[in-house]
Amino acid sequence: MYEQLRKDEFIRYKLGLVHGRMKKAEIESLMQSFYSGEIDILVATTVLEVGVDVANATCMVIEHAERFGLSQLHQLRGRVEGVNSSRIVC
């Protein structure tokens, strides 16, 4: 999915990929790049479910949402609910 997004749909943007098999230092480095705006779009597994709040994140797409429970979906949605919640799309 990441490769398809990077090569087709979002070719004009800088994408980052974070998943659970990555080392903590790699994840932290990519997250810092996302926070600072060096990465425009972050593709991630649910490894980012808890403890990640990005003020400028305004959109989240959850592929196969039917695989998650309501509690987990609510937690995921909370990752993009920042100060300006009127702009949030999930």
PDB file of N, CA and C in Angstrom:
ATOM      1  N   MET A   1       0.814  -1.189   0.000  1.00  0.00           N
ATOM      2  CA  MET A   1       0.000   0.000   0.000  1.00  0.00           C
ATOM      3  C   MET A   1       0.867   1.265   0.000  1.00  0.00           C
ATOM      4  N   TYR A   2       1.895   1.276   0.841  1.00  0.00           N
ATOM      5  CA  TYR A   2       2.782   2.440   0.927  1.00  0.00           C
ATOM      6  C   TYR A   2       3.408   2.753  -0.423  1.00  0.00           C
ATOM      7  N   GLU A   3       3.926   1.738  -1.095  1.00  0.00           N
ATOM      8  CA  GLU A   3       4.580   1.943  -2.388  1.00  0.00           C
ATOM      9  C   GLU A   3       3.599   2.484  -3.422  1.00  0.00           C
ATOM     10  N   GLN A   4       2.385   1.967  -3.418  1.00  0.00           N
ATOM     11  CA  GLN A   4       1.377   2.446  -4.361  1.00  0.00           C
ATOM     12  C   GLN A   4       1.052   3.911  -4.096  1.00  0.00           C
ATOM     13  N   LEU A   5       0.856   4.269  -2.834  1.00  0.00           N
ATOM     14  CA  LEU A   5       0.574   5.660  -2.495  1.00  0.00           C
ATOM     15  C   LEU A   5       1.733   6.572  -2.891  1.00  0.00           C
ATOM     16  N   ARG A   6       2.947   6.111  -2.607  1.00  0.00           N
ATOM     17  CA  ARG A   6       4.145   6.918  -2.876  1.00  0.00           C
ATOM     18  C   ARG A   6       4.372   7.127  -4.371  1.00  0.00           C
ATOM     19  N   LYS A   7       4.119   6.092  -5.164  1.00  0.00           N
ATOM     20  CA  LYS A   7       4.412   6.157  -6.598  1.00  0.00           C
ATOM     21  C   LYS A   7       3.254   6.684  -7.436  1.00  0.00           C
ATOM     22  N   ASP A   8       2.028   6.576  -6.934  1.00  0.00           N
ATOM     23  CA  ASP A   8       0.872   6.951  -7.740  1.00  0.00           C
ATOM     24  C   ASP A   8       0.093   8.133  -7.164  1.00  0.00           C
ATOM     25  N   GLU A   9      -0.699   7.870  -6.154  1.00  0.00           N
ATOM     26  CA  GLU A   9      -1.646   8.852  -5.644  1.00  0.00           C
ATOM     27  C   GLU A   9      -0.993  10.107  -5.065  1.00  0.00           C
ATOM     28  N   PHE A  10       0.110   9.947  -4.353  1.00  0.00           N
ATOM     29  CA  PHE A  10       0.722  11.085  -3.661  1.00  0.00           C
ATOM     30  C   PHE A  10       2.162  11.321  -4.129  1.00  0.00           C
ATOM     31  N   ILE A  11       2.370  11.240  -5.414  1.00  0.00           N
ATOM     32  CA  ILE A  11       3.715  11.350  -5.971  1.00  0.00           C
ATOM     33  C   ILE A  11       4.357  12.714  -5.681  1.00  0.00           C
ATOM     34  N   ARG A  12       3.560  13.740  -5.492  1.00  0.00           N
ATOM     35  CA  ARG A  12       4.083  15.097  -5.245  1.00  0.00           C
ATOM     36  C   ARG A  12       4.421  15.353  -3.779  1.00  0.00           C
ATOM     37  N   TYR A  13       4.143  14.395  -2.925  1.00  0.00           N
ATOM     38  CA  TYR A  13       4.344  14.583  -1.484  1.00  0.00           C
ATOM     39  C   TYR A  13       5.454  13.669  -0.974  1.00  0.00           C
ATOM     40  N   LYS A  14       6.009  14.038   0.169  1.00  0.00           N
ATOM     41  CA  LYS A  14       6.993  13.195   0.838  1.00  0.00           C
ATOM     42  C   LYS A  14       6.253  12.296   1.815  1.00  0.00           C
ATOM     43  N   LEU A  15       6.400  10.995   1.633  1.00  0.00           N
ATOM     44  CA  LEU A  15       5.724  10.019   2.487  1.00  0.00           C
ATOM     45  C   LEU A  15       6.715   9.333   3.402  1.00  0.00           C
ATOM     46  N   GLY A  16       6.234   8.969   4.582  1.00  0.00           N
ATOM     47  CA  GLY A  16       7.009   8.182   5.524  1.00  0.00           C
ATOM     48  C   GLY A  16       6.223   6.945   5.904  1.00  0.00           C
ATOM     49  N   LEU A  17       6.908   5.880   6.274  1.00  0.00           N
ATOM     50  CA  LEU A  17       6.278   4.625   6.651  1.00  0.00           C
ATOM     51  C   LEU A  17       6.776   4.209   8.029  1.00  0.00           C
ATOM     52  N   VAL A  18       5.834   3.931   8.930  1.00  0.00           N
ATOM     53  CA  VAL A  18       6.166   3.471  10.276  1.00  0.00           C
ATOM     54  C   VAL A  18       5.380   2.195  10.546  1.00  0.00           C
ATOM     55  N   HIS A  19       6.073   1.165  11.036  1.00  0.00           N
ATOM     56  CA  HIS A  19       5.408  -0.090  11.381  1.00  0.00           C
ATOM     57  C   HIS A  19       6.103  -0.730  12.572  1.00  0.00           C
ATOM     58  N   GLY A  20       5.482  -1.720  13.139  1.00  0.00           N
ATOM     59  CA  GLY A  20       5.951  -2.339  14.368  1.00  0.00           C
ATOM     60  C   GLY A  20       7.261  -3.094  14.282  1.00  0.00           C
ATOM     61  N   ARG A  21       7.728  -3.428  13.113  1.00  0.00           N
ATOM     62  CA  ARG A  21       8.988  -4.168  12.969  1.00  0.00           C
ATOM     63  C   ARG A  21      10.206  -3.251  12.922  1.00  0.00           C
ATOM     64  N   MET A  22       9.953  -1.953  12.960  1.00  0.00           N
ATOM     65  CA  MET A  22      11.054  -0.991  12.913  1.00  0.00           C
ATOM     66  C   MET A  22      11.650  -0.807  14.307  1.00  0.00           C
ATOM     67  N   LYS A  23      12.898  -0.411  14.352  1.00  0.00           N
ATOM     68  CA  LYS A  23      13.551  -0.111  15.624  1.00  0.00           C
ATOM     69  C   LYS A  23      13.010   1.207  16.164  1.00  0.00           C
ATOM     70  N   LYS A  24      12.999   1.311  17.469  1.00  0.00           N
ATOM     71  CA  LYS A  24      12.443   2.493  18.121  1.00  0.00           C
ATOM     72  C   LYS A  24      13.109   3.779  17.624  1.00  0.00           C
ATOM     73  N   ALA A  25      14.411   3.749  17.421  1.00  0.00           N
ATOM     74  CA  ALA A  25      15.136   4.932  16.950  1.00  0.00           C
ATOM     75  C   ALA A  25      14.666   5.354  15.554  1.00  0.00           C
ATOM     76  N   GLU A  26      14.383   4.365  14.691  1.00  0.00           N
ATOM     77  CA  GLU A  26      13.889   4.664  13.347  1.00  0.00           C
ATOM     78  C   GLU A  26      12.520   5.328  13.411  1.00  0.00           C
ATOM     79  N   ILE A  27      11.649   4.772  14.257  1.00  0.00           N
ATOM     80  CA  ILE A  27      10.304   5.327  14.419  1.00  0.00           C
ATOM     81  C   ILE A  27      10.388   6.751  14.932  1.00  0.00           C
ATOM     82  N   GLU A  28      11.205   6.970  15.949  1.00  0.00           N
ATOM     83  CA  GLU A  28      11.334   8.313  16.516  1.00  0.00           C
ATOM     84  C   GLU A  28      11.871   9.304  15.491  1.00  0.00           C
ATOM     85  N   SER A  29      12.812   8.878  14.671  1.00  0.00           N
ATOM     86  CA  SER A  29      13.365   9.740  13.636  1.00  0.00           C
ATOM     87  C   SER A  29      12.296  10.124  12.605  1.00  0.00           C
ATOM     88  N   LEU A  30      11.525   9.144  12.153  1.00  0.00           N
ATOM     89  CA  LEU A  30      10.457   9.421  11.192  1.00  0.00           C
ATOM     90  C   LEU A  30       9.376  10.303  11.796  1.00  0.00           C
ATOM     91  N   MET A  31       9.041  10.043  13.055  1.00  0.00           N
ATOM     92  CA  MET A  31       8.029  10.863  13.715  1.00  0.00           C
ATOM     93  C   MET A  31       8.503  12.302  13.836  1.00  0.00           C
ATOM     94  N   GLN A  32       9.758  12.501  14.159  1.00  0.00           N
ATOM     95  CA  GLN A  32      10.299  13.856  14.255  1.00  0.00           C
ATOM     96  C   GLN A  32      10.235  14.551  12.896  1.00  0.00           C
ATOM     97  N   SER A  33      10.511  13.813  11.835  1.00  0.00           N
ATOM     98  CA  SER A  33      10.407  14.371  10.483  1.00  0.00           C
ATOM     99  C   SER A  33       8.966  14.750  10.157  1.00  0.00           C
ATOM    100  N   PHE A  34       8.021  13.953  10.628  1.00  0.00           N
ATOM    101  CA  PHE A  34       6.604  14.253  10.402  1.00  0.00           C
ATOM    102  C   PHE A  34       6.187  15.473  11.210  1.00  0.00           C
ATOM    103  N   TYR A  35       6.596  15.531  12.487  1.00  0.00           N
ATOM    104  CA  TYR A  35       6.277  16.677  13.337  1.00  0.00           C
ATOM    105  C   TYR A  35       6.812  17.973  12.729  1.00  0.00           C
ATOM    106  N   SER A  36       8.021  17.930  12.187  1.00  0.00           N
ATOM    107  CA  SER A  36       8.671  19.137  11.678  1.00  0.00           C
ATOM    108  C   SER A  36       8.210  19.526  10.278  1.00  0.00           C
ATOM    109  N   GLY A  37       7.440  18.649   9.622  1.00  0.00           N
ATOM    110  CA  GLY A  37       6.934  18.963   8.295  1.00  0.00           C
ATOM    111  C   GLY A  37       7.796  18.474   7.153  1.00  0.00           C
ATOM    112  N   GLU A  38       8.884  17.769   7.458  1.00  0.00           N
ATOM    113  CA  GLU A  38       9.733  17.210   6.399  1.00  0.00           C
ATOM    114  C   GLU A  38       9.007  16.092   5.653  1.00  0.00           C
ATOM    115  N   ILE A  39       8.124  15.393   6.351  1.00  0.00           N
ATOM    116  CA  ILE A  39       7.282  14.353   5.760  1.00  0.00           C
ATOM    117  C   ILE A  39       5.856  14.890   5.749  1.00  0.00           C
ATOM    118  N   ASP A  40       5.212  14.830   4.573  1.00  0.00           N
ATOM    119  CA  ASP A  40       3.859  15.358   4.436  1.00  0.00           C
ATOM    120  C   ASP A  40       2.792  14.364   4.864  1.00  0.00           C
ATOM    121  N   ILE A  41       3.005  13.104   4.528  1.00  0.00           N
ATOM    122  CA  ILE A  41       2.015  12.055   4.791  1.00  0.00           C
ATOM    123  C   ILE A  41       2.706  10.899   5.485  1.00  0.00           C
ATOM    124  N   LEU A  42       2.122  10.462   6.581  1.00  0.00           N
ATOM    125  CA  LEU A  42       2.675   9.348   7.333  1.00  0.00           C
ATOM    126  C   LEU A  42       1.756   8.143   7.191  1.00  0.00           C
ATOM    127  N   VAL A  43       2.285   7.054   6.657  1.00  0.00           N
ATOM    128  CA  VAL A  43       1.565   5.788   6.532  1.00  0.00           C
ATOM    129  C   VAL A  43       2.046   4.926   7.691  1.00  0.00           C
ATOM    130  N   ALA A  44       1.101   4.421   8.484  1.00  0.00           N
ATOM    131  CA  ALA A  44       1.507   3.708   9.696  1.00  0.00           C
ATOM    132  C   ALA A  44       0.539   2.587  10.038  1.00  0.00           C
ATOM    133  N   THR A  45       1.074   1.611  10.737  1.00  0.00           N
ATOM    134  CA  THR A  45       0.227   0.579  11.321  1.00  0.00           C
ATOM    135  C   THR A  45      -0.263   1.113  12.655  1.00  0.00           C
ATOM    136  N   THR A  46      -0.979   0.310  13.403  1.00  0.00           N
ATOM    137  CA  THR A  46      -1.510   0.773  14.686  1.00  0.00           C
ATOM    138  C   THR A  46      -0.426   0.902  15.742  1.00  0.00           C
ATOM    139  N   VAL A  47       0.834   0.769  15.370  1.00  0.00           N
ATOM    140  CA  VAL A  47       1.942   1.018  16.297  1.00  0.00           C
ATOM    141  C   VAL A  47       1.843   2.445  16.833  1.00  0.00           C
ATOM    142  N   LEU A  48       1.170   3.324  16.112  1.00  0.00           N
ATOM    143  CA  LEU A  48       1.018   4.722  16.509  1.00  0.00           C
ATOM    144  C   LEU A  48      -0.283   4.988  17.249  1.00  0.00           C
ATOM    145  N   GLU A  49      -0.929   3.945  17.696  1.00  0.00           N
ATOM    146  CA  GLU A  49      -2.242   4.102  18.308  1.00  0.00           C
ATOM    147  C   GLU A  49      -2.243   5.002  19.536  1.00  0.00           C
ATOM    148  N   VAL A  50      -1.297   4.840  20.428  1.00  0.00           N
ATOM    149  CA  VAL A  50      -1.321   5.557  21.695  1.00  0.00           C
ATOM    150  C   VAL A  50      -0.092   6.449  21.834  1.00  0.00           C
ATOM    151  N   GLY A  51      -0.301   7.645  22.349  1.00  0.00           N
ATOM    152  CA  GLY A  51       0.810   8.509  22.696  1.00  0.00           C
ATOM    153  C   GLY A  51       1.382   9.343  21.573  1.00  0.00           C
ATOM    154  N   VAL A  52       0.693   9.421  20.463  1.00  0.00           N
ATOM    155  CA  VAL A  52       1.165  10.231  19.349  1.00  0.00           C
ATOM    156  C   VAL A  52       0.111  11.281  19.046  1.00  0.00           C
ATOM    157  N   ASP A  53       0.459  12.521  19.263  1.00  0.00           N
ATOM    158  CA  ASP A  53      -0.432  13.629  18.947  1.00  0.00           C
ATOM    159  C   ASP A  53       0.319  14.599  18.056  1.00  0.00           C
ATOM    160  N   VAL A  54      -0.201  14.806  16.875  1.00  0.00           N
ATOM    161  CA  VAL A  54       0.435  15.700  15.915  1.00  0.00           C
ATOM    162  C   VAL A  54      -0.538  16.844  15.644  1.00  0.00           C
ATOM    163  N   ALA A  55      -0.164  18.029  16.056  1.00  0.00           N
ATOM    164  CA  ALA A  55      -1.073  19.173  15.972  1.00  0.00           C
ATOM    165  C   ALA A  55      -1.539  19.474  14.551  1.00  0.00           C
ATOM    166  N   ASN A  56      -0.682  19.270  13.562  1.00  0.00           N
ATOM    167  CA  ASN A  56      -1.067  19.598  12.187  1.00  0.00           C
ATOM    168  C   ASN A  56      -1.671  18.419  11.422  1.00  0.00           C
ATOM    169  N   ALA A  57      -1.876  17.289  12.074  1.00  0.00           N
ATOM    170  CA  ALA A  57      -2.516  16.144  11.421  1.00  0.00           C
ATOM    171  C   ALA A  57      -4.019  16.402  11.362  1.00  0.00           C
ATOM    172  N   THR A  58      -4.571  16.397  10.167  1.00  0.00           N
ATOM    173  CA  THR A  58      -5.990  16.717  10.006  1.00  0.00           C
ATOM    174  C   THR A  58      -6.789  15.621   9.327  1.00  0.00           C
ATOM    175  N   CYS A  59      -6.153  14.561   8.909  1.00  0.00           N
ATOM    176  CA  CYS A  59      -6.865  13.506   8.202  1.00  0.00           C
ATOM    177  C   CYS A  59      -6.274  12.146   8.560  1.00  0.00           C
ATOM    178  N   MET A  60      -7.151  11.178   8.754  1.00  0.00           N
ATOM    179  CA  MET A  60      -6.705   9.816   8.996  1.00  0.00           C
ATOM    180  C   MET A  60      -7.591   8.884   8.171  1.00  0.00           C
ATOM    181  N   VAL A  61      -6.958   7.968   7.483  1.00  0.00           N
ATOM    182  CA  VAL A  61      -7.679   6.949   6.727  1.00  0.00           C
ATOM    183  C   VAL A  61      -7.360   5.614   7.380  1.00  0.00           C
ATOM    184  N   ILE A  62      -8.400   4.886   7.739  1.00  0.00           N
ATOM    185  CA  ILE A  62      -8.217   3.580   8.375  1.00  0.00           C
ATOM    186  C   ILE A  62      -8.668   2.512   7.391  1.00  0.00           C
ATOM    187  N   GLU A  63      -7.692   1.806   6.850  1.00  0.00           N
ATOM    188  CA  GLU A  63      -8.015   0.747   5.904  1.00  0.00           C
ATOM    189  C   GLU A  63      -8.531  -0.467   6.668  1.00  0.00           C
ATOM    190  N   HIS A  64      -9.598  -1.058   6.185  1.00  0.00           N
ATOM    191  CA  HIS A  64     -10.235  -2.217   6.806  1.00  0.00           C
ATOM    192  C   HIS A  64     -10.650  -1.926   8.248  1.00  0.00           C
ATOM    193  N   ALA A  65     -11.369  -0.833   8.433  1.00  0.00           N
ATOM    194  CA  ALA A  65     -11.814  -0.424   9.772  1.00  0.00           C
ATOM    195  C   ALA A  65     -12.674  -1.483  10.444  1.00  0.00           C
ATOM    196  N   GLU A  66     -13.286  -2.340   9.652  1.00  0.00           N
ATOM    197  CA  GLU A  66     -14.137  -3.395  10.229  1.00  0.00           C
ATOM    198  C   GLU A  66     -13.334  -4.396  11.052  1.00  0.00           C
ATOM    199  N   ARG A  67     -12.038  -4.389  10.920  1.00  0.00           N
ATOM    200  CA  ARG A  67     -11.174  -5.306  11.679  1.00  0.00           C
ATOM    201  C   ARG A  67     -10.886  -4.807  13.092  1.00  0.00           C
ATOM    202  N   PHE A  68     -11.281  -3.563  13.390  1.00  0.00           N
ATOM    203  CA  PHE A  68     -11.003  -2.975  14.690  1.00  0.00           C
ATOM    204  C   PHE A  68     -12.273  -2.879  15.519  1.00  0.00           C
ATOM    205  N   GLY A  69     -12.106  -2.860  16.818  1.00  0.00           N
ATOM    206  CA  GLY A  69     -13.234  -2.644  17.714  1.00  0.00           C
ATOM    207  C   GLY A  69     -13.498  -1.157  17.872  1.00  0.00           C
ATOM    208  N   LEU A  70     -14.646  -0.820  18.454  1.00  0.00           N
ATOM    209  CA  LEU A  70     -15.004   0.585  18.624  1.00  0.00           C
ATOM    210  C   LEU A  70     -14.007   1.336  19.500  1.00  0.00           C
ATOM    211  N   SER A  71     -13.525   0.690  20.538  1.00  0.00           N
ATOM    212  CA  SER A  71     -12.573   1.328  21.440  1.00  0.00           C
ATOM    213  C   SER A  71     -11.280   1.680  20.705  1.00  0.00           C
ATOM    214  N   GLN A  72     -10.774   0.754  19.909  1.00  0.00           N
ATOM    215  CA  GLN A  72      -9.542   1.002  19.176  1.00  0.00           C
ATOM    216  C   GLN A  72      -9.739   2.085  18.117  1.00  0.00           C
ATOM    217  N   LEU A  73     -10.890   2.078  17.443  1.00  0.00           N
ATOM    218  CA  LEU A  73     -11.174   3.117  16.457  1.00  0.00           C
ATOM    219  C   LEU A  73     -11.248   4.486  17.123  1.00  0.00           C
ATOM    220  N   HIS A  74     -11.848   4.529  18.299  1.00  0.00           N
ATOM    221  CA  HIS A  74     -11.940   5.788  19.044  1.00  0.00           C
ATOM    222  C   HIS A  74     -10.543   6.285  19.418  1.00  0.00           C
ATOM    223  N   GLN A  75      -9.681   5.382  19.848  1.00  0.00           N
ATOM    224  CA  GLN A  75      -8.307   5.769  20.181  1.00  0.00           C
ATOM    225  C   GLN A  75      -7.561   6.271  18.946  1.00  0.00           C
ATOM    226  N   LEU A  76      -7.744   5.603  17.829  1.00  0.00           N
ATOM    227  CA  LEU A  76      -7.088   6.034  16.596  1.00  0.00           C
ATOM    228  C   LEU A  76      -7.575   7.418  16.178  1.00  0.00           C
ATOM    229  N   ARG A  77      -8.866   7.622  16.251  1.00  0.00           N
ATOM    230  CA  ARG A  77      -9.432   8.921  15.897  1.00  0.00           C
ATOM    231  C   ARG A  77      -8.859  10.033  16.776  1.00  0.00           C
ATOM    232  N   GLY A  78      -8.593   9.711  18.024  1.00  0.00           N
ATOM    233  CA  GLY A  78      -8.034  10.677  18.945  1.00  0.00           C
ATOM    234  C   GLY A  78      -6.653  11.157  18.570  1.00  0.00           C
ATOM    235  N   ARG A  79      -5.957  10.434  17.692  1.00  0.00           N
ATOM    236  CA  ARG A  79      -4.615  10.845  17.269  1.00  0.00           C
ATOM    237  C   ARG A  79      -4.656  12.089  16.401  1.00  0.00           C
ATOM    238  N   VAL A  80      -5.772  12.362  15.729  1.00  0.00           N
ATOM    239  CA  VAL A  80      -5.857  13.535  14.864  1.00  0.00           C
ATOM    240  C   VAL A  80      -6.781  14.617  15.413  1.00  0.00           C
ATOM    241  N   GLU A  81      -7.328  14.413  16.587  1.00  0.00           N
ATOM    242  CA  GLU A  81      -8.181  15.438  17.179  1.00  0.00           C
ATOM    243  C   GLU A  81      -7.317  16.422  17.951  1.00  0.00           C
ATOM    244  N   GLY A  82      -6.912  17.446  17.263  1.00  0.00           N
ATOM    245  CA  GLY A  82      -6.057  18.454  17.875  1.00  0.00           C
ATOM    246  C   GLY A  82      -6.862  19.640  18.364  1.00  0.00           C
ATOM    247  N   VAL A  83      -6.193  20.757  18.466  1.00  0.00           N
ATOM    248  CA  VAL A  83      -6.805  21.984  18.953  1.00  0.00           C
ATOM    249  C   VAL A  83      -7.903  22.446  18.019  1.00  0.00           C
ATOM    250  N   ASN A  84      -7.678  22.352  16.737  1.00  0.00           N
ATOM    251  CA  ASN A  84      -8.651  22.822  15.739  1.00  0.00           C
ATOM    252  C   ASN A  84      -9.459  21.646  15.217  1.00  0.00           C
ATOM    253  N   SER A  85     -10.314  21.078  16.050  1.00  0.00           N
ATOM    254  CA  SER A  85     -11.045  19.874  15.673  1.00  0.00           C
ATOM    255  C   SER A  85     -12.089  20.108  14.588  1.00  0.00           C
ATOM    256  N   SER A  86     -12.369  21.360  14.219  1.00  0.00           N
ATOM    257  CA  SER A  86     -13.340  21.620  13.151  1.00  0.00           C
ATOM    258  C   SER A  86     -12.788  21.213  11.787  1.00  0.00           C
ATOM    259  N   ARG A  87     -11.466  21.053  11.660  1.00  0.00           N
ATOM    260  CA  ARG A  87     -10.843  20.686  10.381  1.00  0.00           C
ATOM    261  C   ARG A  87     -10.575  19.198  10.277  1.00  0.00           C
ATOM    262  N   ILE A  88     -10.883  18.426  11.282  1.00  0.00           N
ATOM    263  CA  ILE A  88     -10.524  17.015  11.339  1.00  0.00           C
ATOM    264  C   ILE A  88     -11.443  16.177  10.451  1.00  0.00           C
ATOM    265  N   VAL A  89     -10.844  15.225   9.729  1.00  0.00           N
ATOM    266  CA  VAL A  89     -11.587  14.268   8.919  1.00  0.00           C
ATOM    267  C   VAL A  89     -11.084  12.885   9.253  1.00  0.00           C
ATOM    268  N   CYS A  90     -11.997  11.970   9.514  1.00  0.00           N
ATOM    269  CA  CYS A  90     -11.592  10.602   9.824  1.00  0.00           C
ATOM    270  C   CYS A  90     -12.560   9.656   9.154  1.00  0.00           C
TER     271      CYS A  90
END
